[in-house]
């Protein structure tokens, strides 16, 4: 639910850099996730050092109202991998032709 219907993003997030939670495709995703390792870290840990250790990125990251939970603390590795697969599937977009 945090990333909106079918991961479209746009859910308000006061204090964040753009003011909303990013989606799983488009420019926001391209800026925040640079490869499978970063996707895994976002899901498992709730953050990535490239953002949190950046002077400006870290400031926005710390002050945003909604924060990405680190699911690796709550879910077994297979479930984290399943979430990663789901995000990749949404991002691939083969489902979009079925929307009316």
Protein backbone atom coordinates (compact mmCIF):
# COMPACT_ATOMS: atom_id res chain seq x y z
CA UNK A 1 0.00 0.00 0.00
CA UNK A 2 2.85 2.44 0.68
CA UNK A 3 3.93 2.54 -2.97
CA UNK A 4 0.35 2.91 -4.25
CA UNK A 5 -1.75 0.75 -6.55
CA UNK A 6 0.46 -1.66 -8.55
CA UNK A 7 3.50 0.18 -7.19
CA UNK A 8 2.66 3.40 -9.06
CA UNK A 9 3.97 5.63 -6.27
CA UNK A 10 2.73 9.09 -5.47
CA UNK A 11 1.54 8.44 -1.91
CA UNK A 12 2.27 11.58 0.12
CA UNK A 13 5.37 11.46 2.32
CA UNK A 14 5.95 14.77 4.08
CA UNK A 15 9.59 15.64 4.62
CA UNK A 16 10.86 13.43 1.81
CA UNK A 17 12.88 14.87 -1.09
CA UNK A 18 9.96 14.90 -3.54
CA UNK A 19 7.13 14.84 -1.01
CA UNK A 20 5.82 11.42 -1.99
CA UNK A 21 6.75 7.74 -1.92
CA UNK A 22 8.32 6.67 -5.22
CA UNK A 23 6.89 4.06 -7.56
CA UNK A 24 8.44 0.86 -8.87
CA UNK A 25 9.01 2.22 -12.37
CA UNK A 26 9.97 5.49 -14.00
CA UNK A 27 12.52 8.14 -13.13
CA UNK A 28 12.08 7.90 -9.35
CA UNK A 29 12.98 4.21 -9.35
CA UNK A 30 15.87 4.81 -11.73
CA UNK A 31 17.30 7.42 -9.34
CA UNK A 32 16.85 5.32 -6.20
CA UNK A 33 17.68 1.78 -7.33
CA UNK A 34 20.82 1.08 -9.32
CA UNK A 35 20.79 -2.66 -9.71
CA UNK A 36 19.73 -5.81 -7.93
CA UNK A 37 22.05 -5.27 -4.96
CA UNK A 38 20.45 -1.91 -4.14
CA UNK A 39 16.96 -3.32 -4.61
CA UNK A 40 17.83 -6.09 -2.15
CA UNK A 41 19.21 -3.59 0.39
CA UNK A 42 16.17 -1.32 0.12
CA UNK A 43 13.86 -4.25 0.83
CA UNK A 44 15.97 -6.12 3.38
CA UNK A 45 17.44 -3.13 5.25
CA UNK A 46 15.09 -0.24 4.40
CA UNK A 47 17.91 1.98 3.10
CA UNK A 48 21.05 2.14 1.02
CA UNK A 49 24.31 3.90 1.95
CA UNK A 50 24.44 5.86 -1.33
CA UNK A 51 21.40 7.82 -0.09
CA UNK A 52 21.72 7.73 3.71
CA UNK A 53 25.41 8.70 3.76
CA UNK A 54 24.99 11.54 1.27
CA UNK A 55 24.90 14.95 3.03
CA UNK A 56 21.67 16.06 1.36
CA UNK A 57 20.10 12.66 0.66
CA UNK A 58 20.66 11.58 4.25
CA UNK A 59 19.04 14.74 5.61
CA UNK A 60 15.86 14.12 3.59
CA UNK A 61 15.96 10.39 4.37
CA UNK A 62 16.06 11.02 8.12
CA UNK A 63 13.24 13.59 8.13
CA UNK A 64 10.69 11.85 5.88
CA UNK A 65 7.47 10.86 7.66
CA UNK A 66 7.12 7.38 6.11
CA UNK A 67 10.27 5.28 6.13
CA UNK A 68 10.91 2.05 4.26
CA UNK A 69 10.91 -0.82 6.77
CA UNK A 70 13.79 -3.26 6.69
CA UNK A 71 11.85 -6.43 5.92
CA UNK A 72 14.91 -8.61 6.46
CA UNK A 73 14.33 -8.20 10.21
CA UNK A 74 10.83 -9.68 9.96
CA UNK A 75 10.83 -12.03 6.99
CA UNK A 76 12.92 -15.04 6.00
CA UNK A 77 15.33 -14.56 3.05
CA UNK A 78 12.99 -16.43 0.67
CA UNK A 79 10.20 -13.92 1.36
CA UNK A 80 12.55 -10.97 0.83
CA UNK A 81 13.58 -12.54 -2.49
CA UNK A 82 9.89 -12.94 -3.40
CA UNK A 83 9.30 -9.21 -2.81
CA UNK A 84 12.29 -8.41 -5.01
CA UNK A 85 10.82 -10.63 -7.74
CA UNK A 86 7.46 -8.88 -7.41
CA UNK A 87 9.06 -5.45 -7.82
CA UNK A 88 10.98 -6.67 -10.90
CA UNK A 89 7.74 -8.09 -12.35
CA UNK A 90 5.89 -4.81 -11.83
CA UNK A 91 8.82 -2.92 -13.29
CA UNK A 92 8.92 -5.14 -16.40
CA UNK A 93 5.41 -3.94 -17.17
CA UNK A 94 4.00 -6.91 -19.08
CA UNK A 95 0.81 -6.54 -17.01
CA UNK A 96 0.12 -2.97 -18.24
CA UNK A 97 -1.47 -4.11 -21.52
CA UNK A 98 -4.19 -5.78 -19.44
CA UNK A 99 -5.37 -2.50 -17.87
CA UNK A 100 -8.50 -0.97 -19.32
